[in-house]
Amino acid sequence: MLDQIKVILSHTTHPGNIGATARAMKVMGLSKLRLVNPKHFPSAEATERASKASDLLTNAEVFESTEQAISECRLVVGASVRTRSLSTRLVTPRELTTIIKENSENVPVALLFGTENSGLTNEELHLCHYQVYIPTNSDYSSLNLSQAVQLIAYEMRLAFSQVQQLPEQRVIDNERVINRNQLDGLLNHLKGVMTNVGYLNIAHQKQIDNRLNRLFSRTDMTESEFKILRGFLSSIENKLNLKQT
């Protein structure tokens, strides 16, 4: 589905935003970029801002009108934070993914973004089946063009990417969580030092045992952290000439 989503930028004035949009798209797996009458394109600034997504700029299609850019698209969605008197149906990016899933035959899908200063025109919004609305802070709702693309592209990736599992992490031995036997050894070592320095009162030992167990059981302590604490306790014993109990 991701290869059926076309991001269309209408009358972009700053070439850097085109490059940043390409980067935002590529990192989320979108590759189809269309431009309607960009003020400056091709542009060295766009290529620089695209970083390693310059291939999207190379393959970008340029059109003279929005109507031409969306001509073969079966679902057209306009991105705008402004509501109008004759508003198109409003949806959030997440709601939009549900609509696309339920109407998977309606492809290609056009995601239409307006010029930086004023966004989509009323005429452009009237070409759209839906208006996607990013629920931002009502006191400050301004989003950069590429940021808006990034947020919507992120939802598209979550919904339609085949790779949705978290990457497997390789855990080195020192960062594995300690076992219960090691934890008991640490607790005994700690209580021994606490007793020898006069902190642990036998009358309150049960309470201390329970609280220390609860404290350290919450930590998911790793081997490296365990060795630090055991080493620290041993240093205290050596410094005070105490014998470990």
C-alpha atoms as a PDB file:
ATOM      1  CA  MET A   1       0.000   0.000   0.000  1.00  0.00           C
ATOM      2  CA  LEU A   2       2.821   2.444   0.756  1.00  0.00           C
ATOM      3  CA  ASP A   3       3.815   2.484  -2.914  1.00  0.00           C
ATOM      4  CA  GLN A   4       0.233   3.494  -3.772  1.00  0.00           C
ATOM      5  CA  ILE A   5       0.413   6.700  -1.696  1.00  0.00           C
ATOM      6  CA  LYS A   6       1.403   9.839  -3.569  1.00  0.00           C
ATOM      7  CA  VAL A   7       2.511  12.905  -1.620  1.00  0.00           C
ATOM      8  CA  ILE A   8       1.620  16.037  -3.588  1.00  0.00           C
ATOM      9  CA  LEU A   9       3.044  19.446  -2.688  1.00  0.00           C
ATOM     10  CA  SER A  10       1.176  22.350  -4.215  1.00  0.00           C
ATOM     11  CA  HIS A  11       2.973  25.602  -5.081  1.00  0.00           C
ATOM     12  CA  THR A  12       5.856  25.097  -2.659  1.00  0.00           C
ATOM     13  CA  THR A  13       7.819  28.335  -2.235  1.00  0.00           C
ATOM     14  CA  HIS A  14      10.906  27.122  -0.359  1.00  0.00           C
ATOM     15  CA  PRO A  15      12.973  24.393  -2.054  1.00  0.00           C
ATOM     16  CA  GLY A  16      14.362  23.287   1.307  1.00  0.00           C
ATOM     17  CA  ASN A  17      10.874  22.136   2.263  1.00  0.00           C
ATOM     18  CA  ILE A  18      10.748  19.910  -0.798  1.00  0.00           C
ATOM     19  CA  GLY A  19      14.009  18.266   0.212  1.00  0.00           C
ATOM     20  CA  ALA A  20      12.932  17.892   3.837  1.00  0.00           C
ATOM     21  CA  THR A  21       9.651  16.362   2.663  1.00  0.00           C
ATOM     22  CA  ALA A  22      11.531  13.816   0.555  1.00  0.00           C
ATOM     23  CA  ARG A  23      13.578  12.850   3.592  1.00  0.00           C
ATOM     24  CA  ALA A  24      10.462  12.580   5.779  1.00  0.00           C
ATOM     25  CA  MET A  25       8.824  10.363   3.181  1.00  0.00           C
ATOM     26  CA  LYS A  26      11.740   8.024   2.572  1.00  0.00           C
ATOM     27  CA  VAL A  27      12.373   7.311   6.245  1.00  0.00           C
ATOM     28  CA  MET A  28       8.744   6.091   6.481  1.00  0.00           C
ATOM     29  CA  GLY A  29       8.831   4.093   3.262  1.00  0.00           C
ATOM     30  CA  LEU A  30       6.926   6.459   0.961  1.00  0.00           C
ATOM     31  CA  SER A  31       8.487   7.083  -2.442  1.00  0.00           C
ATOM     32  CA  LYS A  32       6.001   8.825  -4.751  1.00  0.00           C
ATOM     33  CA  LEU A  33       6.502  12.607  -4.692  1.00  0.00           C
ATOM     34  CA  ARG A  34       4.597  15.002  -6.941  1.00  0.00           C
ATOM     35  CA  LEU A  35       5.006  18.754  -7.189  1.00  0.00           C
ATOM     36  CA  VAL A  36       2.527  21.321  -8.488  1.00  0.00           C
ATOM     37  CA  ASN A  37       4.197  24.473  -9.814  1.00  0.00           C
ATOM     38  CA  PRO A  38       7.069  24.649  -7.291  1.00  0.00           C
ATOM     39  CA  LYS A  39       8.705  28.065  -7.191  1.00  0.00           C
ATOM     40  CA  HIS A  40      12.245  26.622  -7.300  1.00  0.00           C
ATOM     41  CA  PHE A  41      12.857  23.108  -8.556  1.00  0.00           C
ATOM     42  CA  PRO A  42      15.223  21.425  -9.224  1.00  0.00           C
ATOM     43  CA  SER A  43      17.293  23.072  -6.512  1.00  0.00           C
ATOM     44  CA  ALA A  44      20.618  22.461  -4.806  1.00  0.00           C
ATOM     45  CA  GLU A  45      19.008  23.421  -1.510  1.00  0.00           C
ATOM     46  CA  ALA A  46      16.314  20.785  -1.962  1.00  0.00           C
ATOM     47  CA  THR A  47      18.948  18.148  -2.707  1.00  0.00           C
ATOM     48  CA  GLU A  48      20.962  19.148   0.347  1.00  0.00           C
ATOM     49  CA  ARG A  49      17.951  19.007   2.662  1.00  0.00           C
ATOM     50  CA  ALA A  50      16.909  15.658   1.243  1.00  0.00           C
ATOM     51  CA  SER A  51      20.153  14.126   2.526  1.00  0.00           C
ATOM     52  CA  LYS A  52      20.125  10.509   1.267  1.00  0.00           C
ATOM     53  CA  ALA A  53      16.603  10.787  -0.134  1.00  0.00           C
ATOM     54  CA  SER A  54      17.641  12.677  -3.264  1.00  0.00           C
ATOM     55  CA  ASP A  55      16.400   9.767  -5.396  1.00  0.00           C
ATOM     56  CA  LEU A  56      12.848  10.871  -4.537  1.00  0.00           C
ATOM     57  CA  LEU A  57      13.660  14.294  -5.970  1.00  0.00           C
ATOM     58  CA  THR A  58      15.143  12.750  -9.101  1.00  0.00           C
ATOM     59  CA  ASN A  59      11.972  10.737  -9.627  1.00  0.00           C
ATOM     60  CA  ALA A  60       9.560  13.480  -8.561  1.00  0.00           C
ATOM     61  CA  GLU A  61       6.830  14.350 -11.073  1.00  0.00           C
ATOM     62  CA  VAL A  62       6.065  18.008 -11.734  1.00  0.00           C
ATOM     63  CA  PHE A  63       2.600  19.192 -12.839  1.00  0.00           C
ATOM     64  CA  GLU A  64       1.123  22.512 -13.862  1.00  0.00           C
ATOM     65  CA  SER A  65      -2.100  22.070 -11.904  1.00  0.00           C
ATOM     66  CA  THR A  66      -3.447  20.193  -8.909  1.00  0.00           C
ATOM     67  CA  GLU A  67      -6.105  18.612 -11.117  1.00  0.00           C
ATOM     68  CA  GLN A  68      -3.392  17.048 -13.279  1.00  0.00           C
ATOM     69  CA  ALA A  69      -1.442  15.805 -10.242  1.00  0.00           C
ATOM     70  CA  ILE A  70      -4.444  13.946  -8.796  1.00  0.00           C
ATOM     71  CA  SER A  71      -6.008  12.882 -12.097  1.00  0.00           C
ATOM     72  CA  GLU A  72      -5.686   9.086 -11.678  1.00  0.00           C
ATOM     73  CA  CYS A  73      -6.033   9.032  -7.863  1.00  0.00           C
ATOM     74  CA  ARG A  74      -9.186   7.410  -6.500  1.00  0.00           C
ATOM     75  CA  LEU A  75      -8.870   8.788  -2.972  1.00  0.00           C
ATOM     76  CA  VAL A  76      -7.739  12.381  -2.513  1.00  0.00           C
ATOM     77  CA  VAL A  77      -6.987  13.718   0.965  1.00  0.00           C
ATOM     78  CA  GLY A  78      -6.072  17.309   1.709  1.00  0.00           C
ATOM     79  CA  ALA A  79      -3.929  18.163   4.720  1.00  0.00           C
ATOM     80  CA  SER A  80      -4.990  21.369   6.442  1.00  0.00           C
ATOM     81  CA  VAL A  81      -5.249  22.634   9.995  1.00  0.00           C
ATOM     82  CA  ARG A  82      -7.854  25.239   9.013  1.00  0.00           C
ATOM     83  CA  THR A  83     -11.547  24.416   8.933  1.00  0.00           C
ATOM     84  CA  ARG A  84     -13.700  26.081   6.286  1.00  0.00           C
ATOM     85  CA  SER A  85     -17.352  27.064   6.042  1.00  0.00           C
ATOM     86  CA  LEU A  86     -17.850  24.365   3.418  1.00  0.00           C
ATOM     87  CA  SER A  87     -15.587  21.856   5.085  1.00  0.00           C
ATOM     88  CA  THR A  88     -14.599  18.522   3.599  1.00  0.00           C
ATOM     89  CA  ARG A  89     -15.060  15.577   5.963  1.00  0.00           C
ATOM     90  CA  LEU A  90     -12.480  15.919   8.743  1.00  0.00           C
ATOM     91  CA  VAL A  91     -10.381  12.945   9.879  1.00  0.00           C
ATOM     92  CA  THR A  92      -7.243  12.462  11.941  1.00  0.00           C
ATOM     93  CA  PRO A  93      -4.229  10.711  10.361  1.00  0.00           C
ATOM     94  CA  ARG A  94      -5.062   7.534  12.296  1.00  0.00           C
ATOM     95  CA  GLU A  95      -8.688   7.618  11.188  1.00  0.00           C
ATOM     96  CA  LEU A  96      -7.467   8.095   7.643  1.00  0.00           C
ATOM     97  CA  THR A  97      -5.519   4.816   7.752  1.00  0.00           C
ATOM     98  CA  THR A  98      -8.733   3.011   8.729  1.00  0.00           C
ATOM     99  CA  ILE A  99     -10.569   4.573   5.786  1.00  0.00           C
ATOM    100  CA  ILE A 100      -7.805   3.509   3.404  1.00  0.00           C
ATOM    101  CA  LYS A 101      -7.864  -0.047   4.790  1.00  0.00           C
ATOM    102  CA  GLU A 102     -11.632  -0.283   4.428  1.00  0.00           C
ATOM    103  CA  ASN A 103     -11.458   0.993   0.842  1.00  0.00           C
ATOM    104  CA  SER A 104      -8.240  -0.669  -0.280  1.00  0.00           C
ATOM    105  CA  GLU A 105      -9.421  -0.767  -3.881  1.00  0.00           C
ATOM    106  CA  ASN A 106      -9.469   3.044  -4.014  1.00  0.00           C
ATOM    107  CA  VAL A 107      -5.858   3.518  -5.046  1.00  0.00           C
ATOM    108  CA  PRO A 108      -3.718   5.412  -5.797  1.00  0.00           C
ATOM    109  CA  VAL A 109      -4.181   7.652  -2.751  1.00  0.00           C
ATOM    110  CA  ALA A 110      -3.199  11.317  -2.974  1.00  0.00           C
ATOM    111  CA  LEU A 111      -2.031  13.199   0.124  1.00  0.00           C
ATOM    112  CA  LEU A 112      -2.246  16.835  -0.875  1.00  0.00           C
ATOM    113  CA  PHE A 113      -0.340  19.604   0.944  1.00  0.00           C
ATOM    114  CA  GLY A 114      -0.660  23.306   0.214  1.00  0.00           C
ATOM    115  CA  THR A 115       1.797  26.164   0.028  1.00  0.00           C
ATOM    116  CA  GLU A 116       3.713  27.001   3.204  1.00  0.00           C
ATOM    117  CA  ASN A 117       2.150  30.362   4.006  1.00  0.00           C
ATOM    118  CA  SER A 118      -1.538  29.736   3.409  1.00  0.00           C
ATOM    119  CA  GLY A 119      -1.958  25.992   2.931  1.00  0.00           C
ATOM    120  CA  LEU A 120      -4.486  24.530   0.537  1.00  0.00           C
ATOM    121  CA  THR A 121      -6.901  26.845  -1.220  1.00  0.00           C
ATOM    122  CA  ASN A 122     -10.638  26.316  -0.896  1.00  0.00           C
ATOM    123  CA  GLU A 123     -10.669  25.185  -4.512  1.00  0.00           C
ATOM    124  CA  GLU A 124      -8.031  22.538  -3.800  1.00  0.00           C
ATOM    125  CA  LEU A 125      -9.878  21.283  -0.712  1.00  0.00           C
ATOM    126  CA  HIS A 126     -13.048  20.923  -2.752  1.00  0.00           C
ATOM    127  CA  LEU A 127     -11.155  18.410  -4.899  1.00  0.00           C
ATOM    128  CA  CYS A 128     -10.602  16.207  -1.843  1.00  0.00           C
ATOM    129  CA  HIS A 129     -12.705  13.385  -0.437  1.00  0.00           C
ATOM    130  CA  TYR A 130     -11.381  14.063   3.083  1.00  0.00           C
ATOM    131  CA  GLN A 131      -9.452  16.687   4.982  1.00  0.00           C
ATOM    132  CA  VAL A 132      -6.834  15.214   7.307  1.00  0.00           C
ATOM    133  CA  TYR A 133      -6.424  17.267  10.440  1.00  0.00           C
ATOM    134  CA  ILE A 134      -3.432  16.836  12.745  1.00  0.00           C
ATOM    135  CA  PRO A 135      -4.648  17.446  16.335  1.00  0.00           C
ATOM    136  CA  THR A 136      -1.988  19.903  17.493  1.00  0.00           C
ATOM    137  CA  ASN A 137      -1.884  22.289  20.440  1.00  0.00           C
ATOM    138  CA  SER A 138      -4.781  24.713  19.941  1.00  0.00           C
ATOM    139  CA  ASP A 139      -2.670  27.583  21.306  1.00  0.00           C
ATOM    140  CA  TYR A 140       0.064  26.977  18.730  1.00  0.00           C
ATOM    141  CA  SER A 141      -0.925  24.766  15.833  1.00  0.00           C
ATOM    142  CA  SER A 142       1.682  25.785  13.249  1.00  0.00           C
ATOM    143  CA  LEU A 143       3.546  22.876  11.651  1.00  0.00           C
ATOM    144  CA  ASN A 144       6.336  23.066   9.113  1.00  0.00           C
ATOM    145  CA  LEU A 145       5.370  21.432   5.809  1.00  0.00           C
ATOM    146  CA  SER A 146       7.807  18.549   6.161  1.00  0.00           C
ATOM    147  CA  GLN A 147       6.740  17.998   9.793  1.00  0.00           C
ATOM    148  CA  ALA A 148       3.138  17.584   8.700  1.00  0.00           C
ATOM    149  CA  VAL A 149       4.219  15.133   6.011  1.00  0.00           C
ATOM    150  CA  GLN A 150       6.317  13.239   8.568  1.00  0.00           C
ATOM    151  CA  LEU A 151       3.440  12.838  11.025  1.00  0.00           C
ATOM    152  CA  ILE A 152       1.004  11.556   8.425  1.00  0.00           C
ATOM    153  CA  ALA A 153       3.649   9.342   6.797  1.00  0.00           C
ATOM    154  CA  TYR A 154       4.387   7.834  10.215  1.00  0.00           C
ATOM    155  CA  GLU A 155       0.757   6.774  10.605  1.00  0.00           C
ATOM    156  CA  MET A 156       0.823   5.317   7.098  1.00  0.00           C
ATOM    157  CA  ARG A 157       3.902   3.262   7.963  1.00  0.00           C
ATOM    158  CA  LEU A 158       2.401   1.975  11.210  1.00  0.00           C
ATOM    159  CA  ALA A 159      -0.752   0.922   9.395  1.00  0.00           C
ATOM    160  CA  PHE A 160       0.656  -0.512   6.177  1.00  0.00           C
ATOM    161  CA  SER A 161       4.268  -1.521   6.679  1.00  0.00           C
ATOM    162  CA  GLN A 162       5.008  -5.232   6.665  1.00  0.00           C
ATOM    163  CA  VAL A 163       7.706  -4.677   9.287  1.00  0.00           C
ATOM    164  CA  GLN A 164       5.821  -3.632  12.409  1.00  0.00           C
ATOM    165  CA  GLN A 165       7.741  -5.569  15.068  1.00  0.00           C
ATOM    166  CA  LEU A 166      10.432  -3.883  17.108  1.00  0.00           C
ATOM    167  CA  PRO A 167      13.942  -4.760  15.913  1.00  0.00           C
ATOM    168  CA  GLU A 168      15.633  -7.557  17.843  1.00  0.00           C
ATOM    169  CA  GLN A 169      18.248  -6.284  20.239  1.00  0.00           C
ATOM    170  CA  ARG A 170      21.402  -8.227  20.979  1.00  0.00           C
ATOM    171  CA  VAL A 171      22.062  -8.166  24.721  1.00  0.00           C
ATOM    172  CA  ILE A 172      25.699  -8.616  25.747  1.00  0.00           C
ATOM    173  CA  ASP A 173      26.358 -10.739  28.818  1.00  0.00           C
ATOM    174  CA  ASN A 174      27.137  -7.791  31.110  1.00  0.00           C
ATOM    175  CA  GLU A 175      23.749  -6.273  30.312  1.00  0.00           C
ATOM    176  CA  ARG A 176      21.650  -9.336  31.038  1.00  0.00           C
ATOM    177  CA  VAL A 177      19.353  -9.143  34.053  1.00  0.00           C
ATOM    178  CA  ILE A 178      20.760 -10.933  37.099  1.00  0.00           C
ATOM    179  CA  ASN A 179      19.126 -14.083  38.433  1.00  0.00           C
ATOM    180  CA  ARG A 180      17.478 -14.491  41.824  1.00  0.00           C
ATOM    181  CA  ASN A 181      20.502 -16.209  43.340  1.00  0.00           C
ATOM    182  CA  GLN A 182      22.690 -13.221  42.470  1.00  0.00           C
ATOM    183  CA  LEU A 183      20.109 -10.828  43.896  1.00  0.00           C
ATOM    184  CA  ASP A 184      19.962 -12.793  47.159  1.00  0.00           C
ATOM    185  CA  GLY A 185      23.761 -12.634  47.358  1.00  0.00           C
ATOM    186  CA  LEU A 186      23.696  -8.864  46.864  1.00  0.00           C
ATOM    187  CA  LEU A 187      20.986  -8.400  49.498  1.00  0.00           C
ATOM    188  CA  ASN A 188      22.894 -10.515  52.018  1.00  0.00           C
ATOM    189  CA  HIS A 189      26.069  -8.580  51.280  1.00  0.00           C
ATOM    190  CA  LEU A 190      24.245  -5.244  51.678  1.00  0.00           C
ATOM    191  CA  LYS A 191      22.566  -6.283  54.930  1.00  0.00           C
ATOM    192  CA  GLY A 192      25.890  -7.546  56.253  1.00  0.00           C
ATOM    193  CA  VAL A 193      27.519  -4.167  55.635  1.00  0.00           C
ATOM    194  CA  MET A 194      24.502  -2.348  57.083  1.00  0.00           C
ATOM    195  CA  THR A 195      24.747  -4.477  60.231  1.00  0.00           C
ATOM    196  CA  ASN A 196      28.496  -4.014  60.604  1.00  0.00           C
ATOM    197  CA  VAL A 197      28.324  -0.216  60.325  1.00  0.00           C
ATOM    198  CA  GLY A 198      25.541  -0.118  62.927  1.00  0.00           C
ATOM    199  CA  TYR A 199      22.729   0.914  60.598  1.00  0.00           C
ATOM    200  CA  LEU A 200      20.623  -2.235  60.612  1.00  0.00           C
ATOM    201  CA  ASN A 201      18.588  -2.704  63.769  1.00  0.00           C
ATOM    202  CA  ILE A 202      17.707  -6.360  64.370  1.00  0.00           C
ATOM    203  CA  ALA A 203      14.257  -5.324  65.596  1.00  0.00           C
ATOM    204  CA  HIS A 204      13.484  -3.836  62.176  1.00  0.00           C
ATOM    205  CA  GLN A 205      15.244  -6.438  60.037  1.00  0.00           C
ATOM    206  CA  LYS A 206      12.030  -7.954  58.677  1.00  0.00           C
ATOM    207  CA  GLN A 207      10.799  -4.580  57.454  1.00  0.00           C
ATOM    208  CA  ILE A 208      14.190  -3.803  55.920  1.00  0.00           C
ATOM    209  CA  ASP A 209      14.267  -7.224  54.203  1.00  0.00           C
ATOM    210  CA  ASN A 210      10.849  -6.657  52.637  1.00  0.00           C
ATOM    211  CA  ARG A 211      11.615  -3.153  51.467  1.00  0.00           C
ATOM    212  CA  LEU A 212      15.013  -4.029  50.030  1.00  0.00           C
ATOM    213  CA  ASN A 213      13.479  -6.980  48.176  1.00  0.00           C
ATOM    214  CA  ARG A 214      10.773  -4.749  46.786  1.00  0.00           C
ATOM    215  CA  LEU A 215      13.264  -2.041  45.824  1.00  0.00           C
ATOM    216  CA  PHE A 216      15.726  -4.280  43.985  1.00  0.00           C
ATOM    217  CA  SER A 217      13.042  -6.458  42.388  1.00  0.00           C
ATOM    218  CA  ARG A 218      11.775  -3.356  40.553  1.00  0.00           C
ATOM    219  CA  THR A 219      15.140  -2.497  39.042  1.00  0.00           C
ATOM    220  CA  ASP A 220      15.779  -5.278  36.487  1.00  0.00           C
ATOM    221  CA  MET A 221      19.402  -4.997  37.578  1.00  0.00           C
ATOM    222  CA  THR A 222      21.986  -6.041  34.999  1.00  0.00           C
ATOM    223  CA  GLU A 223      25.211  -7.987  35.526  1.00  0.00           C
ATOM    224  CA  SER A 224      27.324  -4.844  35.149  1.00  0.00           C
ATOM    225  CA  GLU A 225      25.216  -2.930  37.689  1.00  0.00           C
ATOM    226  CA  PHE A 226      25.359  -5.905  40.065  1.00  0.00           C
ATOM    227  CA  LYS A 227      29.166  -5.968  39.886  1.00  0.00           C
ATOM    228  CA  ILE A 228      29.352  -2.240  40.617  1.00  0.00           C
ATOM    229  CA  LEU A 229      27.281  -2.598  43.787  1.00  0.00           C
ATOM    230  CA  ARG A 230      29.114  -5.713  44.989  1.00  0.00           C
ATOM    231  CA  GLY A 231      32.426  -3.991  44.354  1.00  0.00           C
ATOM    232  CA  PHE A 232      31.268  -0.886  46.194  1.00  0.00           C
ATOM    233  CA  LEU A 233      30.169  -2.902  49.234  1.00  0.00           C
ATOM    234  CA  SER A 234      33.469  -4.771  49.250  1.00  0.00           C
ATOM    235  CA  SER A 235      35.328  -1.447  49.149  1.00  0.00           C
ATOM    236  CA  ILE A 236      33.397  -0.269  52.214  1.00  0.00           C
ATOM    237  CA  GLU A 237      34.335  -3.468  54.052  1.00  0.00           C
ATOM    238  CA  ASN A 238      37.987  -3.120  53.094  1.00  0.00           C
ATOM    239  CA  LYS A 239      38.073   0.528  54.107  1.00  0.00           C
ATOM    240  CA  LEU A 240      36.579  -0.218  57.518  1.00  0.00           C
ATOM    241  CA  ASN A 241      38.398  -3.541  57.903  1.00  0.00           C
ATOM    242  CA  LEU A 242      35.059  -5.304  58.102  1.00  0.00           C
ATOM    243  CA  LYS A 243      34.576  -8.954  57.331  1.00  0.00           C
ATOM    244  CA  GLN A 244      31.796  -9.812  54.894  1.00  0.00           C
ATOM    245  CA  THR A 245      28.979 -11.764  56.487  1.00  0.00           C
END
